[in-house]
Amino acid sequence: MTLEQRIARLEALEAIRQLKHRYLNACDLKDVDSIHDCFAEGDILIDYGPVGQFTDRDSFVALYQQLACHERVKDLHHGSNPEIELLSETEATGRWGLFYFNLDAETGATLQLGAVYYDRYQCIEGRWKIVETRVERLQELASPAT
């Protein structure tokens, strides 16, 4: 592998890391435009289990706004342990650990979730986008409202 190929590989891996971090941070900040921009246009797959399965970014973002974009909803998405594999110059897969904490600030109800994201990415017009993401829940702990 040439030096240029190695640099391009490192840049692609970092761009994918930044994409996933941008997505997780946008979820915490309720930044729907940034969430929307993290996903490719057209047919994609978002499978968040009990939350729902979506084949385009618009329907996912609409549900996200309905469920999460309220002052009382406080979220923390922490992605860790990324394993990213470049399949080509324009395709990659990734696996990420997720710790998720949700608080309903009005009722005090909480949800803690440990999960794994399984992602596919494509570089479209020079920008990496999520084209598929699936979450596998590993553990869940809910505390009812007080």
C-alpha atoms as a PDB file:
ATOM      1  CA  MET A   1       0.000   0.000   0.000  1.00  0.00           C
ATOM      2  CA  THR A   2       1.385   3.358  -0.995  1.00  0.00           C
ATOM      3  CA  LEU A   3       1.704   6.284   1.385  1.00  0.00           C
ATOM      4  CA  GLU A   4      -1.139   8.049  -0.446  1.00  0.00           C
ATOM      5  CA  GLN A   5      -3.384   4.971  -0.054  1.00  0.00           C
ATOM      6  CA  ARG A   6      -2.537   4.716   3.627  1.00  0.00           C
ATOM      7  CA  ILE A   7      -3.344   8.393   4.188  1.00  0.00           C
ATOM      8  CA  ALA A   8      -6.618   8.058   2.257  1.00  0.00           C
ATOM      9  CA  ARG A   9      -7.520   5.034   4.404  1.00  0.00           C
ATOM     10  CA  LEU A  10      -6.800   6.913   7.643  1.00  0.00           C
ATOM     11  CA  GLU A  11      -8.790   9.919   6.435  1.00  0.00           C
ATOM     12  CA  ALA A  12     -11.763   7.705   5.556  1.00  0.00           C
ATOM     13  CA  LEU A  13     -11.699   5.983   8.951  1.00  0.00           C
ATOM     14  CA  GLU A  14     -11.574   9.339  10.731  1.00  0.00           C
ATOM     15  CA  ALA A  15     -14.400  10.744   8.598  1.00  0.00           C
ATOM     16  CA  ILE A  16     -16.587   7.760   9.530  1.00  0.00           C
ATOM     17  CA  ARG A  17     -15.754   8.197  13.237  1.00  0.00           C
ATOM     18  CA  GLN A  18     -16.664  11.875  12.969  1.00  0.00           C
ATOM     19  CA  LEU A  19     -19.916  10.993  11.194  1.00  0.00           C
ATOM     20  CA  LYS A  20     -21.005   8.633  13.960  1.00  0.00           C
ATOM     21  CA  HIS A  21     -20.009  11.089  16.704  1.00  0.00           C
ATOM     22  CA  ARG A  22     -21.849  13.882  14.887  1.00  0.00           C
ATOM     23  CA  TYR A  23     -24.962  11.676  14.765  1.00  0.00           C
ATOM     24  CA  LEU A  24     -24.813  10.760  18.467  1.00  0.00           C
ATOM     25  CA  ASN A  25     -24.175  14.361  19.526  1.00  0.00           C
ATOM     26  CA  ALA A  26     -26.974  15.632  17.284  1.00  0.00           C
ATOM     27  CA  CYS A  27     -29.366  13.180  18.961  1.00  0.00           C
ATOM     28  CA  ASP A  28     -28.426  14.543  22.393  1.00  0.00           C
ATOM     29  CA  LEU A  29     -28.719  18.142  21.207  1.00  0.00           C
ATOM     30  CA  LYS A  30     -32.035  17.523  19.356  1.00  0.00           C
ATOM     31  CA  ASP A  31     -30.387  18.851  16.191  1.00  0.00           C
ATOM     32  CA  VAL A  32     -32.722  17.299  13.629  1.00  0.00           C
ATOM     33  CA  ASP A  33     -31.023  18.905  10.622  1.00  0.00           C
ATOM     34  CA  SER A  34     -27.690  17.330  11.560  1.00  0.00           C
ATOM     35  CA  ILE A  35     -29.349  13.962  12.236  1.00  0.00           C
ATOM     36  CA  HIS A  36     -31.021  14.137   8.821  1.00  0.00           C
ATOM     37  CA  ASP A  37     -27.700  14.999   7.153  1.00  0.00           C
ATOM     38  CA  CYS A  38     -25.907  11.979   8.646  1.00  0.00           C
ATOM     39  CA  PHE A  39     -28.001   9.599   6.528  1.00  0.00           C
ATOM     40  CA  ALA A  40     -27.937   9.104   2.771  1.00  0.00           C
ATOM     41  CA  GLU A  41     -30.841  10.240   0.635  1.00  0.00           C
ATOM     42  CA  GLY A  42     -33.193   7.656  -0.863  1.00  0.00           C
ATOM     43  CA  ASP A  43     -33.567   4.041   0.195  1.00  0.00           C
ATOM     44  CA  ILE A  44     -31.701   3.238   3.383  1.00  0.00           C
ATOM     45  CA  LEU A  45     -32.385   0.972   6.354  1.00  0.00           C
ATOM     46  CA  ILE A  46     -32.707   2.128   9.949  1.00  0.00           C
ATOM     47  CA  ASP A  47     -33.696  -0.725  12.267  1.00  0.00           C
ATOM     48  CA  TYR A  48     -34.035   0.417  15.862  1.00  0.00           C
ATOM     49  CA  GLY A  49     -36.016  -2.611  17.018  1.00  0.00           C
ATOM     50  CA  PRO A  50     -38.956  -1.610  19.232  1.00  0.00           C
ATOM     51  CA  VAL A  51     -38.574   2.037  18.187  1.00  0.00           C
ATOM     52  CA  GLY A  52     -39.228   1.096  14.560  1.00  0.00           C
ATOM     53  CA  GLN A  53     -37.796   0.253  11.183  1.00  0.00           C
ATOM     54  CA  PHE A  54     -37.419   2.937   8.513  1.00  0.00           C
ATOM     55  CA  THR A  55     -36.471   2.853   4.835  1.00  0.00           C
ATOM     56  CA  ASP A  56     -35.769   6.572   4.436  1.00  0.00           C
ATOM     57  CA  ARG A  57     -34.282   9.267   6.620  1.00  0.00           C
ATOM     58  CA  ASP A  58     -37.335  11.546   6.533  1.00  0.00           C
ATOM     59  CA  SER A  59     -39.668   9.066   8.248  1.00  0.00           C
ATOM     60  CA  PHE A  60     -37.063   8.350  10.923  1.00  0.00           C
ATOM     61  CA  VAL A  61     -36.427  12.038  11.608  1.00  0.00           C
ATOM     62  CA  ALA A  62     -40.185  12.687  11.815  1.00  0.00           C
ATOM     63  CA  LEU A  63     -40.584  10.031  14.521  1.00  0.00           C
ATOM     64  CA  TYR A  64     -37.466  11.271  16.299  1.00  0.00           C
ATOM     65  CA  GLN A  65     -38.943  14.790  16.442  1.00  0.00           C
ATOM     66  CA  GLN A  66     -42.240  13.447  17.756  1.00  0.00           C
ATOM     67  CA  LEU A  67     -40.642  11.342  20.520  1.00  0.00           C
ATOM     68  CA  ALA A  68     -37.491  13.195  21.535  1.00  0.00           C
ATOM     69  CA  CYS A  69     -37.745  16.890  20.735  1.00  0.00           C
ATOM     70  CA  HIS A  70     -39.325  18.012  23.994  1.00  0.00           C
ATOM     71  CA  GLU A  71     -37.746  20.060  26.762  1.00  0.00           C
ATOM     72  CA  ARG A  72     -38.497  17.322  29.296  1.00  0.00           C
ATOM     73  CA  VAL A  73     -36.623  14.634  27.313  1.00  0.00           C
ATOM     74  CA  LYS A  74     -32.930  14.461  28.232  1.00  0.00           C
ATOM     75  CA  ASP A  75     -30.763  11.972  26.350  1.00  0.00           C
ATOM     76  CA  LEU A  76     -27.169  10.820  26.466  1.00  0.00           C
ATOM     77  CA  HIS A  77     -25.806   8.667  23.643  1.00  0.00           C
ATOM     78  CA  HIS A  78     -22.267   7.402  24.246  1.00  0.00           C
ATOM     79  CA  GLY A  79     -20.707   5.438  21.384  1.00  0.00           C
ATOM     80  CA  SER A  80     -17.565   3.450  22.054  1.00  0.00           C
ATOM     81  CA  ASN A  81     -15.281   0.679  20.862  1.00  0.00           C
ATOM     82  CA  PRO A  82     -15.625   1.358  17.135  1.00  0.00           C
ATOM     83  CA  GLU A  83     -14.616  -1.379  14.717  1.00  0.00           C
ATOM     84  CA  ILE A  84     -14.655   0.107  11.224  1.00  0.00           C
ATOM     85  CA  GLU A  85     -13.782  -1.906   8.133  1.00  0.00           C
ATOM     86  CA  LEU A  86     -13.203  -0.233   4.784  1.00  0.00           C
ATOM     87  CA  LEU A  87     -14.563  -2.489   2.051  1.00  0.00           C
ATOM     88  CA  SER A  88     -13.584  -0.138  -0.769  1.00  0.00           C
ATOM     89  CA  GLU A  89     -12.896   3.560  -1.313  1.00  0.00           C
ATOM     90  CA  THR A  90     -16.645   4.229  -1.025  1.00  0.00           C
ATOM     91  CA  GLU A  91     -18.039   1.503   1.256  1.00  0.00           C
ATOM     92  CA  ALA A  92     -17.466   0.555   4.867  1.00  0.00           C
ATOM     93  CA  THR A  93     -19.042  -1.251   7.798  1.00  0.00           C
ATOM     94  CA  GLY A  94     -18.907  -0.423  11.464  1.00  0.00           C
ATOM     95  CA  ARG A  95     -19.768  -1.832  14.851  1.00  0.00           C
ATOM     96  CA  TRP A  96     -20.123   0.472  17.871  1.00  0.00           C
ATOM     97  CA  GLY A  97     -20.981  -0.066  21.502  1.00  0.00           C
ATOM     98  CA  LEU A  98     -23.730   2.191  22.780  1.00  0.00           C
ATOM     99  CA  PHE A  99     -24.570   3.346  26.276  1.00  0.00           C
ATOM    100  CA  TYR A 100     -27.842   5.275  26.219  1.00  0.00           C
ATOM    101  CA  PHE A 101     -29.426   7.129  29.117  1.00  0.00           C
ATOM    102  CA  ASN A 102     -32.832   8.802  28.914  1.00  0.00           C
ATOM    103  CA  LEU A 103     -34.542  10.950  31.539  1.00  0.00           C
ATOM    104  CA  ASP A 104     -38.054  12.346  31.517  1.00  0.00           C
ATOM    105  CA  ALA A 105     -37.309  15.485  33.532  1.00  0.00           C
ATOM    106  CA  GLU A 106     -40.987  15.976  34.391  1.00  0.00           C
ATOM    107  CA  THR A 107     -41.720  12.522  35.783  1.00  0.00           C
ATOM    108  CA  GLY A 108     -38.257  11.290  36.765  1.00  0.00           C
ATOM    109  CA  ALA A 109     -38.631   8.101  34.682  1.00  0.00           C
ATOM    110  CA  THR A 110     -35.295   6.824  33.344  1.00  0.00           C
ATOM    111  CA  LEU A 111     -34.082   4.283  30.833  1.00  0.00           C
ATOM    112  CA  GLN A 112     -30.553   2.915  30.558  1.00  0.00           C
ATOM    113  CA  LEU A 113     -29.680   0.842  27.562  1.00  0.00           C
ATOM    114  CA  GLY A 114     -26.594  -1.074  26.511  1.00  0.00           C
ATOM    115  CA  ALA A 115     -26.576  -1.938  22.820  1.00  0.00           C
ATOM    116  CA  VAL A 116     -24.509  -2.465  19.698  1.00  0.00           C
ATOM    117  CA  TYR A 117     -24.872  -0.519  16.450  1.00  0.00           C
ATOM    118  CA  TYR A 118     -24.177  -2.392  13.207  1.00  0.00           C
ATOM    119  CA  ASP A 119     -23.710   0.171  10.431  1.00  0.00           C
ATOM    120  CA  ARG A 120     -22.986   0.379   6.723  1.00  0.00           C
ATOM    121  CA  TYR A 121     -21.562   3.564   5.238  1.00  0.00           C
ATOM    122  CA  GLN A 122     -21.102   4.943   1.733  1.00  0.00           C
ATOM    123  CA  CYS A 123     -18.984   7.817   0.545  1.00  0.00           C
ATOM    124  CA  ILE A 124     -21.322   9.864  -1.634  1.00  0.00           C
ATOM    125  CA  GLU A 125     -19.929  12.874  -3.483  1.00  0.00           C
ATOM    126  CA  GLY A 126     -16.944  12.928  -1.123  1.00  0.00           C
ATOM    127  CA  ARG A 127     -18.951  12.675   2.130  1.00  0.00           C
ATOM    128  CA  TRP A 128     -19.512   9.559   4.224  1.00  0.00           C
ATOM    129  CA  LYS A 129     -23.165   8.822   5.023  1.00  0.00           C
ATOM    130  CA  ILE A 130     -24.993   6.126   6.962  1.00  0.00           C
ATOM    131  CA  VAL A 131     -26.915   3.858   4.568  1.00  0.00           C
ATOM    132  CA  GLU A 132     -27.854   1.173   7.078  1.00  0.00           C
ATOM    133  CA  THR A 133     -27.919   0.998  10.844  1.00  0.00           C
ATOM    134  CA  ARG A 134     -29.279  -1.679  13.111  1.00  0.00           C
ATOM    135  CA  VAL A 135     -29.299  -1.672  16.902  1.00  0.00           C
ATOM    136  CA  GLU A 136     -29.109  -4.850  18.941  1.00  0.00           C
ATOM    137  CA  ARG A 137     -30.170  -4.283  22.543  1.00  0.00           C
ATOM    138  CA  LEU A 138     -28.000  -6.133  25.052  1.00  0.00           C
ATOM    139  CA  GLN A 139     -29.411  -4.898  28.339  1.00  0.00           C
ATOM    140  CA  GLU A 140     -32.050  -2.483  29.509  1.00  0.00           C
ATOM    141  CA  LEU A 141     -32.888  -0.985  32.888  1.00  0.00           C
ATOM    142  CA  ALA A 142     -35.961   1.207  33.303  1.00  0.00           C
ATOM    143  CA  SER A 143     -37.001   3.089  36.415  1.00  0.00           C
ATOM    144  CA  PRO A 144     -40.601   4.238  36.628  1.00  0.00           C
ATOM    145  CA  ALA A 145     -41.719   7.791  37.260  1.00  0.00           C
ATOM    146  CA  THR A 146     -41.510   8.937  40.872  1.00  0.00           C
END
